Amino acid sequence: MATIEILGVSHAYELTAPTSFPHTLVFIHGWLNSRGYWRPLISNLSANFQCLSYDLRGFGESQPNGKTDFAPQGTSFSLDATKNSNFGNSFDSVYAPAAYARDLAILLEQLNITSAWLIGHSLGGTIALWEAAYNPSRVQGVICINSGGGIYLKEAFEQFRSAGARFLQIRPRWLSQLPLIDWFFSRISVARPLERHWARQRVIDFVVADPEAALGTLLDSTTEEEINRLPQLVSQLKQPVYFLAGAKDKVMEPKYVRHLASFHRLFQYCGENVIEIPNCGHLAMLEQPEVVAAHICSIIAQYSQPQQSDGEVKENITAPDAMPSGTLRERFAGDN
């Protein structure tokens, strides 16, 4: 395991060997997860792409030790892309998605990764979107997996935040030894049960997550202000942004994925930038890694074409061939 210090916190990461492809694929995990969930997907991609995965601050093996200075001193992190958009106060909390995007910007700089495609799961997708806004010179595109939103439903979010806070209180170390705990974690939020070793990993990540980070990310990513910012953020991005949704995802339902995707120019009235994966829940990278890998390759291939005779790269905003037909004919507003 390699580590690198970011603003006083040692971050664990894995970086595969470089390839002839000029951009690195950077994988950002979701809430209460860790970098290990990307390994099946990376094993399908690393022959053609250099891949970076890391543990977010407070999760996996990126655990804080004592008080941490989170002031963004000594970095080249730039807010130029959003300084006129009232996004600056996103840094008020060290657990907001924008603050995690700052961590990522420093990680990319320290690893000398100058060009990247970001691939984020759930909360990691939101972090990827923030990073694309803040770091447009490094970020070539974003692929969000089981990630969407942008609609604040007051009662539903209040219930979710309250239930999540209670859920986090039940995390004794001996929890991983309870009978049938693997059975529970192998089935929660997925369309089909996961293999036992992934269930065990989910238990471990749930138990070891830093209490302050676990609660802080839950609360700071689900405020009314934060949720309502997302559509504006997506609408401003110049890079290509695609969304992979699980057809049976009950955590982030496809209609909410389509809603957020519709604010990007690639949506094109019928969801050109949304790919719905059949028989898939909230952990697409574990449930169907080969399918997800194929979609990633198809998406990136569209933006890796040879230069045209006029010296410009032709941008193709047509959906990938692998996108199922007939599943995304209407905008979110037309579904109600």
C-alpha atoms as a PDB file:
ATOM      1  CA  MET A   1       0.000   0.000   0.000  1.00  0.00           C
ATOM      2  CA  ALA A   2       1.345   3.425  -0.975  1.00  0.00           C
ATOM      3  CA  THR A   3       0.518   6.537   1.053  1.00  0.00           C
ATOM      4  CA  ILE A   4       0.798  10.270   0.499  1.00  0.00           C
ATOM      5  CA  GLU A   5       0.127  13.112   2.930  1.00  0.00           C
ATOM      6  CA  ILE A   6      -2.589  15.596   2.026  1.00  0.00           C
ATOM      7  CA  LEU A   7      -3.178  18.478   4.422  1.00  0.00           C
ATOM      8  CA  GLY A   8      -1.901  16.493   7.376  1.00  0.00           C
ATOM      9  CA  VAL A   9      -3.729  13.234   6.651  1.00  0.00           C
ATOM     10  CA  SER A  10      -1.991  10.173   5.226  1.00  0.00           C
ATOM     11  CA  HIS A  11      -3.967   8.968   2.197  1.00  0.00           C
ATOM     12  CA  ALA A  12      -3.735   5.371   0.957  1.00  0.00           C
ATOM     13  CA  TYR A  13      -3.741   4.905  -2.798  1.00  0.00           C
ATOM     14  CA  GLU A  14      -3.012   2.419  -5.591  1.00  0.00           C
ATOM     15  CA  LEU A  15      -1.607   3.456  -8.968  1.00  0.00           C
ATOM     16  CA  THR A  16      -1.185   1.018 -11.839  1.00  0.00           C
ATOM     17  CA  ALA A  17       1.566   1.178 -14.442  1.00  0.00           C
ATOM     18  CA  PRO A  18       1.415   3.845 -17.163  1.00  0.00           C
ATOM     19  CA  THR A  19       0.151   2.869 -20.621  1.00  0.00           C
ATOM     20  CA  SER A  20       0.223   4.546 -24.009  1.00  0.00           C
ATOM     21  CA  PHE A  21      -3.122   6.215 -23.238  1.00  0.00           C
ATOM     22  CA  PRO A  22      -2.398   9.840 -22.282  1.00  0.00           C
ATOM     23  CA  HIS A  23      -5.022  10.218 -19.527  1.00  0.00           C
ATOM     24  CA  THR A  24      -5.171   8.493 -16.129  1.00  0.00           C
ATOM     25  CA  LEU A  25      -8.462   7.038 -14.891  1.00  0.00           C
ATOM     26  CA  VAL A  26      -9.072   8.239 -11.321  1.00  0.00           C
ATOM     27  CA  PHE A  27     -11.581   6.289  -9.213  1.00  0.00           C
ATOM     28  CA  ILE A  28     -13.396   7.933  -6.275  1.00  0.00           C
ATOM     29  CA  HIS A  29     -15.366   5.695  -3.909  1.00  0.00           C
ATOM     30  CA  GLY A  30     -18.631   6.457  -2.145  1.00  0.00           C
ATOM     31  CA  TRP A  31     -19.778   6.916   1.435  1.00  0.00           C
ATOM     32  CA  LEU A  32     -18.587   4.245   3.902  1.00  0.00           C
ATOM     33  CA  ASN A  33     -16.663   2.480   1.108  1.00  0.00           C
ATOM     34  CA  SER A  34     -12.968   2.301   0.228  1.00  0.00           C
ATOM     35  CA  ARG A  35     -10.666   2.049  -2.786  1.00  0.00           C
ATOM     36  CA  GLY A  36     -10.836  -1.763  -2.834  1.00  0.00           C
ATOM     37  CA  TYR A  37     -14.297  -1.740  -4.415  1.00  0.00           C
ATOM     38  CA  TRP A  38     -12.708  -0.593  -7.666  1.00  0.00           C
ATOM     39  CA  ARG A  39     -10.333  -3.564  -8.037  1.00  0.00           C
ATOM     40  CA  PRO A  40     -12.620  -5.769 -10.198  1.00  0.00           C
ATOM     41  CA  LEU A  41     -13.192  -2.832 -12.542  1.00  0.00           C
ATOM     42  CA  ILE A  42      -9.535  -1.803 -12.609  1.00  0.00           C
ATOM     43  CA  SER A  43      -8.507  -5.374 -13.416  1.00  0.00           C
ATOM     44  CA  ASN A  44     -10.584  -5.021 -16.598  1.00  0.00           C
ATOM     45  CA  LEU A  45      -9.085  -1.646 -17.519  1.00  0.00           C
ATOM     46  CA  SER A  46      -5.476  -1.464 -16.358  1.00  0.00           C
ATOM     47  CA  ALA A  47      -4.053  -3.124 -19.483  1.00  0.00           C
ATOM     48  CA  ASN A  48      -5.151  -0.093 -21.496  1.00  0.00           C
ATOM     49  CA  PHE A  49      -5.333   2.705 -18.925  1.00  0.00           C
ATOM     50  CA  GLN A  50      -3.275   3.824 -15.979  1.00  0.00           C
ATOM     51  CA  CYS A  51      -5.665   3.701 -13.003  1.00  0.00           C
ATOM     52  CA  LEU A  52      -5.545   5.539  -9.681  1.00  0.00           C
ATOM     53  CA  SER A  53      -7.763   4.635  -6.724  1.00  0.00           C
ATOM     54  CA  TYR A  54      -7.498   6.063  -3.231  1.00  0.00           C
ATOM     55  CA  ASP A  55      -9.271   6.181   0.122  1.00  0.00           C
ATOM     56  CA  LEU A  56     -11.104   9.403   0.886  1.00  0.00           C
ATOM     57  CA  ARG A  57     -10.076  11.236   4.050  1.00  0.00           C
ATOM     58  CA  GLY A  58     -11.562   9.419   7.042  1.00  0.00           C
ATOM     59  CA  PHE A  59     -12.393   6.206   5.153  1.00  0.00           C
ATOM     60  CA  GLY A  60     -10.578   2.954   4.466  1.00  0.00           C
ATOM     61  CA  GLU A  61      -6.924   3.386   5.340  1.00  0.00           C
ATOM     62  CA  SER A  62      -6.874   7.193   5.031  1.00  0.00           C
ATOM     63  CA  GLN A  63      -7.459   7.805   8.721  1.00  0.00           C
ATOM     64  CA  PRO A  64      -6.707  11.135  10.446  1.00  0.00           C
ATOM     65  CA  ASN A  65      -4.274  11.133  13.366  1.00  0.00           C
ATOM     66  CA  GLY A  66      -5.035  13.872  15.853  1.00  0.00           C
ATOM     67  CA  LYS A  67      -5.973  17.402  14.871  1.00  0.00           C
ATOM     68  CA  THR A  68      -5.605  18.205  11.208  1.00  0.00           C
ATOM     69  CA  ASP A  69      -4.973  21.532   9.542  1.00  0.00           C
ATOM     70  CA  PHE A  70      -7.312  21.619   6.571  1.00  0.00           C
ATOM     71  CA  ALA A  71      -6.419  25.134   5.416  1.00  0.00           C
ATOM     72  CA  PRO A  72      -5.593  24.916   1.699  1.00  0.00           C
ATOM     73  CA  GLN A  73      -2.159  26.503   2.028  1.00  0.00           C
ATOM     74  CA  GLY A  74       0.663  25.805  -0.367  1.00  0.00           C
ATOM     75  CA  THR A  75      -1.460  24.282  -3.113  1.00  0.00           C
ATOM     76  CA  SER A  76      -2.248  25.376  -6.646  1.00  0.00           C
ATOM     77  CA  PHE A  77      -5.949  24.624  -6.245  1.00  0.00           C
ATOM     78  CA  SER A  78      -7.906  27.117  -8.328  1.00  0.00           C
ATOM     79  CA  LEU A  79     -11.471  28.349  -8.047  1.00  0.00           C
ATOM     80  CA  ASP A  80     -11.376  30.308 -11.306  1.00  0.00           C
ATOM     81  CA  ALA A  81     -14.003  28.104 -12.968  1.00  0.00           C
ATOM     82  CA  THR A  82     -16.607  28.830 -10.287  1.00  0.00           C
ATOM     83  CA  LYS A  83     -15.600  32.043  -8.551  1.00  0.00           C
ATOM     84  CA  ASN A  84     -18.630  33.845 -10.014  1.00  0.00           C
ATOM     85  CA  SER A  85     -21.088  31.120  -9.037  1.00  0.00           C
ATOM     86  CA  ASN A  86     -21.386  31.551  -5.264  1.00  0.00           C
ATOM     87  CA  PHE A  87     -19.711  28.207  -4.688  1.00  0.00           C
ATOM     88  CA  GLY A  88     -16.878  29.525  -2.523  1.00  0.00           C
ATOM     89  CA  ASN A  89     -18.631  28.779   0.767  1.00  0.00           C
ATOM     90  CA  SER A  90     -18.527  25.077  -0.082  1.00  0.00           C
ATOM     91  CA  PHE A  91     -15.183  25.069   1.740  1.00  0.00           C
ATOM     92  CA  ASP A  92     -16.780  26.099   5.026  1.00  0.00           C
ATOM     93  CA  SER A  93     -16.949  22.431   6.038  1.00  0.00           C
ATOM     94  CA  VAL A  94     -14.029  20.041   5.765  1.00  0.00           C
ATOM     95  CA  TYR A  95     -16.491  17.239   4.948  1.00  0.00           C
ATOM     96  CA  ALA A  96     -18.384  18.875   2.084  1.00  0.00           C
ATOM     97  CA  PRO A  97     -17.858  17.383  -1.413  1.00  0.00           C
ATOM     98  CA  ALA A  98     -15.971  20.522  -2.437  1.00  0.00           C
ATOM     99  CA  ALA A  99     -13.442  19.981   0.366  1.00  0.00           C
ATOM    100  CA  TYR A 100     -12.866  16.406  -0.797  1.00  0.00           C
ATOM    101  CA  ALA A 101     -12.393  17.726  -4.314  1.00  0.00           C
ATOM    102  CA  ARG A 102      -9.669  19.946  -2.923  1.00  0.00           C
ATOM    103  CA  ASP A 103      -7.985  16.860  -1.456  1.00  0.00           C
ATOM    104  CA  LEU A 104      -8.151  15.203  -4.859  1.00  0.00           C
ATOM    105  CA  ALA A 105      -6.642  18.226  -6.598  1.00  0.00           C
ATOM    106  CA  ILE A 106      -3.664  18.043  -4.249  1.00  0.00           C
ATOM    107  CA  LEU A 107      -3.343  14.287  -4.778  1.00  0.00           C
ATOM    108  CA  LEU A 108      -3.255  14.682  -8.566  1.00  0.00           C
ATOM    109  CA  GLU A 109      -0.676  17.445  -8.279  1.00  0.00           C
ATOM    110  CA  GLN A 110       1.571  15.476  -5.953  1.00  0.00           C
ATOM    111  CA  LEU A 111       1.397  12.381  -8.176  1.00  0.00           C
ATOM    112  CA  ASN A 112       2.074  14.549 -11.241  1.00  0.00           C
ATOM    113  CA  ILE A 113      -1.116  13.432 -12.969  1.00  0.00           C
ATOM    114  CA  THR A 114      -1.709  16.226 -15.448  1.00  0.00           C
ATOM    115  CA  SER A 115      -4.634  14.741 -17.373  1.00  0.00           C
ATOM    116  CA  ALA A 116      -7.394  12.510 -16.018  1.00  0.00           C
ATOM    117  CA  TRP A 117     -10.851  11.074 -16.476  1.00  0.00           C
ATOM    118  CA  LEU A 118     -12.681  10.928 -13.141  1.00  0.00           C
ATOM    119  CA  ILE A 119     -14.925   7.990 -12.281  1.00  0.00           C
ATOM    120  CA  GLY A 120     -16.930   8.418  -9.100  1.00  0.00           C
ATOM    121  CA  HIS A 121     -19.412   6.212  -7.291  1.00  0.00           C
ATOM    122  CA  SER A 122     -22.368   7.765  -5.438  1.00  0.00           C
ATOM    123  CA  LEU A 123     -20.841  10.488  -3.209  1.00  0.00           C
ATOM    124  CA  GLY A 124     -17.639  10.009  -5.215  1.00  0.00           C
ATOM    125  CA  GLY A 125     -19.535  11.105  -8.315  1.00  0.00           C
ATOM    126  CA  THR A 126     -20.436  14.394  -6.649  1.00  0.00           C
ATOM    127  CA  ILE A 127     -16.794  14.886  -5.658  1.00  0.00           C
ATOM    128  CA  ALA A 128     -15.767  14.207  -9.258  1.00  0.00           C
ATOM    129  CA  LEU A 129     -18.161  16.887 -10.526  1.00  0.00           C
ATOM    130  CA  TRP A 130     -16.719  19.445  -8.122  1.00  0.00           C
ATOM    131  CA  GLU A 131     -13.192  18.500  -9.154  1.00  0.00           C
ATOM    132  CA  ALA A 132     -14.064  18.924 -12.837  1.00  0.00           C
ATOM    133  CA  ALA A 133     -15.308  22.440 -12.101  1.00  0.00           C
ATOM    134  CA  TYR A 134     -12.302  23.398 -10.007  1.00  0.00           C
ATOM    135  CA  ASN A 135      -9.623  21.713 -12.080  1.00  0.00           C
ATOM    136  CA  PRO A 136     -10.712  21.918 -15.739  1.00  0.00           C
ATOM    137  CA  SER A 137      -7.151  21.896 -17.079  1.00  0.00           C
ATOM    138  CA  ARG A 138      -6.515  18.434 -15.585  1.00  0.00           C
ATOM    139  CA  VAL A 139      -9.950  16.819 -15.855  1.00  0.00           C
ATOM    140  CA  GLN A 140     -10.883  15.633 -19.356  1.00  0.00           C
ATOM    141  CA  GLY A 141     -14.239  14.140 -18.440  1.00  0.00           C
ATOM    142  CA  VAL A 142     -16.372  12.604 -15.684  1.00  0.00           C
ATOM    143  CA  ILE A 143     -18.255   9.314 -15.421  1.00  0.00           C
ATOM    144  CA  CYS A 144     -20.648   9.111 -12.476  1.00  0.00           C
ATOM    145  CA  ILE A 145     -21.725   5.651 -11.311  1.00  0.00           C
ATOM    146  CA  ASN A 146     -24.932   5.328  -9.232  1.00  0.00           C
ATOM    147  CA  SER A 147     -24.752   9.073  -8.688  1.00  0.00           C
ATOM    148  CA  GLY A 148     -27.340  11.764  -9.331  1.00  0.00           C
ATOM    149  CA  GLY A 149     -29.788  13.961  -7.456  1.00  0.00           C
ATOM    150  CA  GLY A 150     -30.216  17.696  -7.470  1.00  0.00           C
ATOM    151  CA  ILE A 151     -33.764  17.634  -6.076  1.00  0.00           C
ATOM    152  CA  TYR A 152     -34.211  18.590  -2.419  1.00  0.00           C
ATOM    153  CA  LEU A 153     -37.211  16.911  -0.820  1.00  0.00           C
ATOM    154  CA  LYS A 154     -37.258  18.353   2.703  1.00  0.00           C
ATOM    155  CA  GLU A 155     -39.098  15.622   4.587  1.00  0.00           C
ATOM    156  CA  ALA A 156     -37.319  12.767   2.796  1.00  0.00           C
ATOM    157  CA  PHE A 157     -33.875  14.247   3.378  1.00  0.00           C
ATOM    158  CA  GLU A 158     -34.575  14.993   7.029  1.00  0.00           C
ATOM    159  CA  GLN A 159     -35.609  11.381   7.539  1.00  0.00           C
ATOM    160  CA  PHE A 160     -32.566  10.137   5.629  1.00  0.00           C
ATOM    161  CA  ARG A 161     -30.165  12.273   7.673  1.00  0.00           C
ATOM    162  CA  SER A 162     -31.750  11.221  10.953  1.00  0.00           C
ATOM    163  CA  ALA A 163     -31.743   7.517  10.037  1.00  0.00           C
ATOM    164  CA  GLY A 164     -28.158   7.742   8.795  1.00  0.00           C
ATOM    165  CA  ALA A 165     -26.979   9.356  12.016  1.00  0.00           C
ATOM    166  CA  ARG A 166     -28.633   6.609  14.073  1.00  0.00           C
ATOM    167  CA  PHE A 167     -27.167   3.962  11.778  1.00  0.00           C
ATOM    168  CA  LEU A 168     -23.660   5.311  12.397  1.00  0.00           C
ATOM    169  CA  GLN A 169     -24.084   5.070  16.157  1.00  0.00           C
ATOM    170  CA  ILE A 170     -24.260   1.266  15.973  1.00  0.00           C
ATOM    171  CA  ARG A 171     -20.665   0.547  14.979  1.00  0.00           C
ATOM    172  CA  PRO A 172     -18.826  -1.400  17.690  1.00  0.00           C
ATOM    173  CA  ARG A 173     -15.697  -3.224  16.543  1.00  0.00           C
ATOM    174  CA  TRP A 174     -17.261  -6.548  17.494  1.00  0.00           C
ATOM    175  CA  LEU A 175     -20.041  -5.955  14.962  1.00  0.00           C
ATOM    176  CA  SER A 176     -18.029  -7.787  12.319  1.00  0.00           C
ATOM    177  CA  GLN A 177     -18.208 -10.947  14.460  1.00  0.00           C
ATOM    178  CA  LEU A 178     -21.996 -11.071  14.677  1.00  0.00           C
ATOM    179  CA  PRO A 179     -23.622 -14.114  13.075  1.00  0.00           C
ATOM    180  CA  LEU A 180     -25.381 -13.340   9.788  1.00  0.00           C
ATOM    181  CA  ILE A 181     -23.857  -9.850   9.541  1.00  0.00           C
ATOM    182  CA  ASP A 182     -22.224 -10.945   6.259  1.00  0.00           C
ATOM    183  CA  TRP A 183     -25.601 -12.078   4.969  1.00  0.00           C
ATOM    184  CA  PHE A 184     -27.067  -8.619   5.651  1.00  0.00           C
ATOM    185  CA  PHE A 185     -24.230  -6.669   4.018  1.00  0.00           C
ATOM    186  CA  SER A 186     -24.169  -8.972   0.994  1.00  0.00           C
ATOM    187  CA  ARG A 187     -27.753  -8.003   0.177  1.00  0.00           C
ATOM    188  CA  ILE A 188     -28.199  -4.375   1.165  1.00  0.00           C
ATOM    189  CA  SER A 189     -28.510  -1.928  -1.782  1.00  0.00           C
ATOM    190  CA  VAL A 190     -27.738  -4.516  -4.500  1.00  0.00           C
ATOM    191  CA  ALA A 191     -29.886  -6.347  -7.050  1.00  0.00           C
ATOM    192  CA  ARG A 192     -28.245  -9.699  -6.398  1.00  0.00           C
ATOM    193  CA  PRO A 193     -26.250 -10.855  -3.339  1.00  0.00           C
ATOM    194  CA  LEU A 194     -22.549 -10.081  -3.396  1.00  0.00           C
ATOM    195  CA  GLU A 195     -19.865 -12.676  -2.787  1.00  0.00           C
ATOM    196  CA  ARG A 196     -19.091 -13.166   0.893  1.00  0.00           C
ATOM    197  CA  HIS A 197     -15.675 -11.490   0.793  1.00  0.00           C
ATOM    198  CA  TRP A 198     -17.262  -8.280  -0.487  1.00  0.00           C
ATOM    199  CA  ALA A 199     -19.837  -8.445   2.280  1.00  0.00           C
ATOM    200  CA  ARG A 200     -16.985  -8.760   4.787  1.00  0.00           C
ATOM    201  CA  GLN A 201     -15.262  -5.763   3.227  1.00  0.00           C
ATOM    202  CA  ARG A 202     -18.430  -3.704   3.526  1.00  0.00           C
ATOM    203  CA  VAL A 203     -18.650  -4.569   7.229  1.00  0.00           C
ATOM    204  CA  ILE A 204     -15.003  -3.627   7.775  1.00  0.00           C
ATOM    205  CA  ASP A 205     -15.348  -0.296   5.971  1.00  0.00           C
ATOM    206  CA  PHE A 206     -18.524   0.487   7.904  1.00  0.00           C
ATOM    207  CA  VAL A 207     -16.832  -0.192  11.237  1.00  0.00           C
ATOM    208  CA  VAL A 208     -13.474   1.531  10.646  1.00  0.00           C
ATOM    209  CA  ALA A 209     -14.735   4.759   9.056  1.00  0.00           C
ATOM    210  CA  ASP A 210     -13.727   7.762  11.160  1.00  0.00           C
ATOM    211  CA  PRO A 211     -16.844   8.808  13.161  1.00  0.00           C
ATOM    212  CA  GLU A 212     -16.444  12.510  12.423  1.00  0.00           C
ATOM    213  CA  ALA A 213     -15.871  11.938   8.705  1.00  0.00           C
ATOM    214  CA  ALA A 214     -18.708   9.419   8.388  1.00  0.00           C
ATOM    215  CA  LEU A 215     -21.256  11.738   9.984  1.00  0.00           C
ATOM    216  CA  GLY A 216     -19.779  14.895   8.480  1.00  0.00           C
ATOM    217  CA  THR A 217     -19.957  13.658   4.889  1.00  0.00           C
ATOM    218  CA  LEU A 218     -23.500  12.395   5.428  1.00  0.00           C
ATOM    219  CA  LEU A 219     -24.737  15.717   6.778  1.00  0.00           C
ATOM    220  CA  ASP A 220     -22.707  18.116   4.640  1.00  0.00           C
ATOM    221  CA  SER A 221     -23.513  16.405   1.330  1.00  0.00           C
ATOM    222  CA  THR A 222     -27.277  16.376   1.962  1.00  0.00           C
ATOM    223  CA  THR A 223     -28.015  19.954   2.986  1.00  0.00           C
ATOM    224  CA  GLU A 224     -30.593  21.883   0.971  1.00  0.00           C
ATOM    225  CA  GLU A 225     -27.903  24.253  -0.238  1.00  0.00           C
ATOM    226  CA  GLU A 226     -25.604  21.433  -1.335  1.00  0.00           C
ATOM    227  CA  ILE A 227     -28.337  19.494  -3.150  1.00  0.00           C
ATOM    228  CA  ASN A 228     -29.607  22.576  -4.979  1.00  0.00           C
ATOM    229  CA  ARG A 229     -26.080  23.477  -6.125  1.00  0.00           C
ATOM    230  CA  LEU A 230     -25.583  20.268  -8.068  1.00  0.00           C
ATOM    231  CA  PRO A 231     -27.670  21.122 -11.176  1.00  0.00           C
ATOM    232  CA  GLN A 232     -25.962  24.507 -11.499  1.00  0.00           C
ATOM    233  CA  LEU A 233     -22.573  22.847 -11.122  1.00  0.00           C
ATOM    234  CA  VAL A 234     -23.327  20.260 -13.830  1.00  0.00           C
ATOM    235  CA  SER A 235     -24.712  22.873 -16.212  1.00  0.00           C
ATOM    236  CA  GLN A 236     -21.439  24.823 -16.085  1.00  0.00           C
ATOM    237  CA  LEU A 237     -19.113  21.934 -16.880  1.00  0.00           C
ATOM    238  CA  LYS A 238     -17.465  22.093 -20.295  1.00  0.00           C
ATOM    239  CA  GLN A 239     -16.076  18.563 -20.137  1.00  0.00           C
ATOM    240  CA  PRO A 240     -18.136  15.510 -21.174  1.00  0.00           C
ATOM    241  CA  VAL A 241     -20.117  14.081 -18.244  1.00  0.00           C
ATOM    242  CA  TYR A 242     -21.816  10.675 -18.343  1.00  0.00           C
ATOM    243  CA  PHE A 243     -23.970   8.859 -15.802  1.00  0.00           C
ATOM    244  CA  LEU A 244     -24.281   5.085 -15.284  1.00  0.00           C
ATOM    245  CA  ALA A 245     -27.439   4.113 -13.398  1.00  0.00           C
ATOM    246  CA  GLY A 246     -28.520   0.792 -11.939  1.00  0.00           C
ATOM    247  CA  ALA A 247     -32.017  -0.068 -13.133  1.00  0.00           C
ATOM    248  CA  LYS A 248     -32.789  -1.557  -9.695  1.00  0.00           C
ATOM    249  CA  ASP A 249     -30.896   1.013  -7.633  1.00  0.00           C
ATOM    250  CA  LYS A 250     -33.109   1.961  -4.664  1.00  0.00           C
ATOM    251  CA  VAL A 251     -30.537   4.347  -3.163  1.00  0.00           C
ATOM    252  CA  MET A 252     -30.148   6.525  -6.257  1.00  0.00           C
ATOM    253  CA  GLU A 253     -33.065   5.698  -8.522  1.00  0.00           C
ATOM    254  CA  PRO A 254     -32.555   6.142 -12.281  1.00  0.00           C
ATOM    255  CA  LYS A 255     -35.067   9.011 -12.427  1.00  0.00           C
ATOM    256  CA  TYR A 256     -32.867  11.056 -10.100  1.00  0.00           C
ATOM    257  CA  VAL A 257     -29.777  10.177 -12.131  1.00  0.00           C
ATOM    258  CA  ARG A 258     -31.547  11.381 -15.289  1.00  0.00           C
ATOM    259  CA  HIS A 259     -32.630  14.548 -13.552  1.00  0.00           C
ATOM    260  CA  LEU A 260     -29.075  15.620 -12.716  1.00  0.00           C
ATOM    261  CA  ALA A 261     -27.756  14.451 -16.095  1.00  0.00           C
ATOM    262  CA  SER A 262     -30.364  16.603 -17.873  1.00  0.00           C
ATOM    263  CA  PHE A 263     -28.569  19.789 -16.830  1.00  0.00           C
ATOM    264  CA  HIS A 264     -25.513  18.893 -18.915  1.00  0.00           C
ATOM    265  CA  ARG A 265     -25.371  19.792 -22.611  1.00  0.00           C
ATOM    266  CA  LEU A 266     -24.853  16.140 -23.623  1.00  0.00           C
ATOM    267  CA  PHE A 267     -28.287  15.119 -22.355  1.00  0.00           C
ATOM    268  CA  GLN A 268     -29.783  16.283 -25.680  1.00  0.00           C
ATOM    269  CA  TYR A 269     -33.491  15.954 -24.790  1.00  0.00           C
ATOM    270  CA  CYS A 270     -33.535  12.155 -24.452  1.00  0.00           C
ATOM    271  CA  GLY A 271     -30.720  11.201 -22.100  1.00  0.00           C
ATOM    272  CA  GLU A 272     -27.766  10.794 -24.445  1.00  0.00           C
ATOM    273  CA  ASN A 273     -25.374  10.917 -21.482  1.00  0.00           C
ATOM    274  CA  VAL A 274     -27.222   8.372 -19.305  1.00  0.00           C
ATOM    275  CA  ILE A 275     -26.687   4.616 -19.475  1.00  0.00           C
ATOM    276  CA  GLU A 276     -29.028   2.380 -17.504  1.00  0.00           C
ATOM    277  CA  ILE A 277     -27.640  -1.038 -16.543  1.00  0.00           C
ATOM    278  CA  PRO A 278     -30.321  -3.748 -16.255  1.00  0.00           C
ATOM    279  CA  ASN A 279     -30.574  -5.916 -13.131  1.00  0.00           C
ATOM    280  CA  CYS A 280     -28.132  -3.708 -11.247  1.00  0.00           C
ATOM    281  CA  GLY A 281     -28.364  -2.041  -7.841  1.00  0.00           C
ATOM    282  CA  HIS A 282     -26.279   0.623  -6.117  1.00  0.00           C
ATOM    283  CA  LEU A 283     -22.865  -1.052  -6.418  1.00  0.00           C
ATOM    284  CA  ALA A 284     -22.510  -1.386 -10.189  1.00  0.00           C
ATOM    285  CA  MET A 285     -18.711  -1.698 -10.072  1.00  0.00           C
ATOM    286  CA  LEU A 286     -19.049  -4.847  -7.932  1.00  0.00           C
ATOM    287  CA  GLU A 287     -22.281  -6.214  -9.362  1.00  0.00           C
ATOM    288  CA  GLN A 288     -21.353  -5.923 -13.056  1.00  0.00           C
ATOM    289  CA  PRO A 289     -17.694  -4.852 -13.430  1.00  0.00           C
ATOM    290  CA  GLU A 290     -17.326  -6.160 -16.995  1.00  0.00           C
ATOM    291  CA  VAL A 291     -20.384  -4.220 -18.161  1.00  0.00           C
ATOM    292  CA  VAL A 292     -19.246  -1.046 -16.418  1.00  0.00           C
ATOM    293  CA  ALA A 293     -15.736  -1.424 -17.883  1.00  0.00           C
ATOM    294  CA  ALA A 294     -17.172  -1.795 -21.391  1.00  0.00           C
ATOM    295  CA  HIS A 295     -19.228   1.377 -21.000  1.00  0.00           C
ATOM    296  CA  ILE A 296     -16.224   3.308 -19.695  1.00  0.00           C
ATOM    297  CA  CYS A 297     -14.134   2.229 -22.673  1.00  0.00           C
ATOM    298  CA  SER A 298     -16.929   3.132 -25.102  1.00  0.00           C
ATOM    299  CA  ILE A 299     -17.405   6.586 -23.584  1.00  0.00           C
ATOM    300  CA  ILE A 300     -13.730   7.488 -23.469  1.00  0.00           C
ATOM    301  CA  ALA A 301     -13.176   6.200 -27.009  1.00  0.00           C
ATOM    302  CA  GLN A 302     -15.495   8.901 -28.312  1.00  0.00           C
ATOM    303  CA  TYR A 303     -13.092  11.570 -27.092  1.00  0.00           C
ATOM    304  CA  SER A 304      -9.890   9.888 -28.231  1.00  0.00           C
ATOM    305  CA  GLN A 305     -10.426  10.189 -31.975  1.00  0.00           C
ATOM    306  CA  PRO A 306      -7.655  11.301 -34.374  1.00  0.00           C
ATOM    307  CA  GLN A 307      -7.548  14.989 -35.171  1.00  0.00           C
ATOM    308  CA  GLN A 308      -9.567  16.186 -38.134  1.00  0.00           C
ATOM    309  CA  SER A 309      -8.100  17.905 -41.160  1.00  0.00           C
ATOM    310  CA  ASP A 310      -8.912  21.328 -39.751  1.00  0.00           C
ATOM    311  CA  GLY A 311      -6.695  20.603 -36.784  1.00  0.00           C
ATOM    312  CA  GLU A 312      -9.519  20.188 -34.275  1.00  0.00           C
ATOM    313  CA  VAL A 313     -10.714  17.055 -32.567  1.00  0.00           C
ATOM    314  CA  LYS A 314     -14.249  16.293 -33.623  1.00  0.00           C
ATOM    315  CA  GLU A 315     -16.518  15.935 -30.603  1.00  0.00           C
ATOM    316  CA  ASN A 316     -19.035  13.140 -30.818  1.00  0.00           C
ATOM    317  CA  ILE A 317     -21.952  13.604 -28.453  1.00  0.00           C
ATOM    318  CA  THR A 318     -23.830  10.538 -29.661  1.00  0.00           C
ATOM    319  CA  ALA A 319     -24.480   7.939 -26.976  1.00  0.00           C
ATOM    320  CA  PRO A 320     -22.131   4.908 -26.919  1.00  0.00           C
ATOM    321  CA  ASP A 321     -23.113   1.888 -28.990  1.00  0.00           C
ATOM    322  CA  ALA A 322     -23.378  -0.092 -25.759  1.00  0.00           C
ATOM    323  CA  MET A 323     -26.192   2.123 -24.478  1.00  0.00           C
ATOM    324  CA  PRO A 324     -29.482   0.186 -24.322  1.00  0.00           C
ATOM    325  CA  SER A 325     -32.019   1.608 -26.750  1.00  0.00           C
ATOM    326  CA  GLY A 326     -35.502   2.663 -25.848  1.00  0.00           C
ATOM    327  CA  THR A 327     -34.843   3.103 -22.120  1.00  0.00           C
ATOM    328  CA  LEU A 328     -34.280   6.841 -21.933  1.00  0.00           C
ATOM    329  CA  ARG A 329     -36.823   8.475 -24.221  1.00  0.00           C
ATOM    330  CA  GLU A 330     -38.119  11.161 -21.928  1.00  0.00           C
ATOM    331  CA  ARG A 331     -36.640  13.810 -19.694  1.00  0.00           C
ATOM    332  CA  PHE A 332     -37.165  13.469 -15.964  1.00  0.00           C
ATOM    333  CA  ALA A 333     -39.974  15.984 -16.020  1.00  0.00           C
ATOM    334  CA  GLY A 334     -41.929  13.820 -18.392  1.00  0.00           C
ATOM    335  CA  ASP A 335     -41.776  10.814 -16.063  1.00  0.00           C
ATOM    336  CA  ASN A 336     -44.116  12.327 -13.498  1.00  0.00           C
END
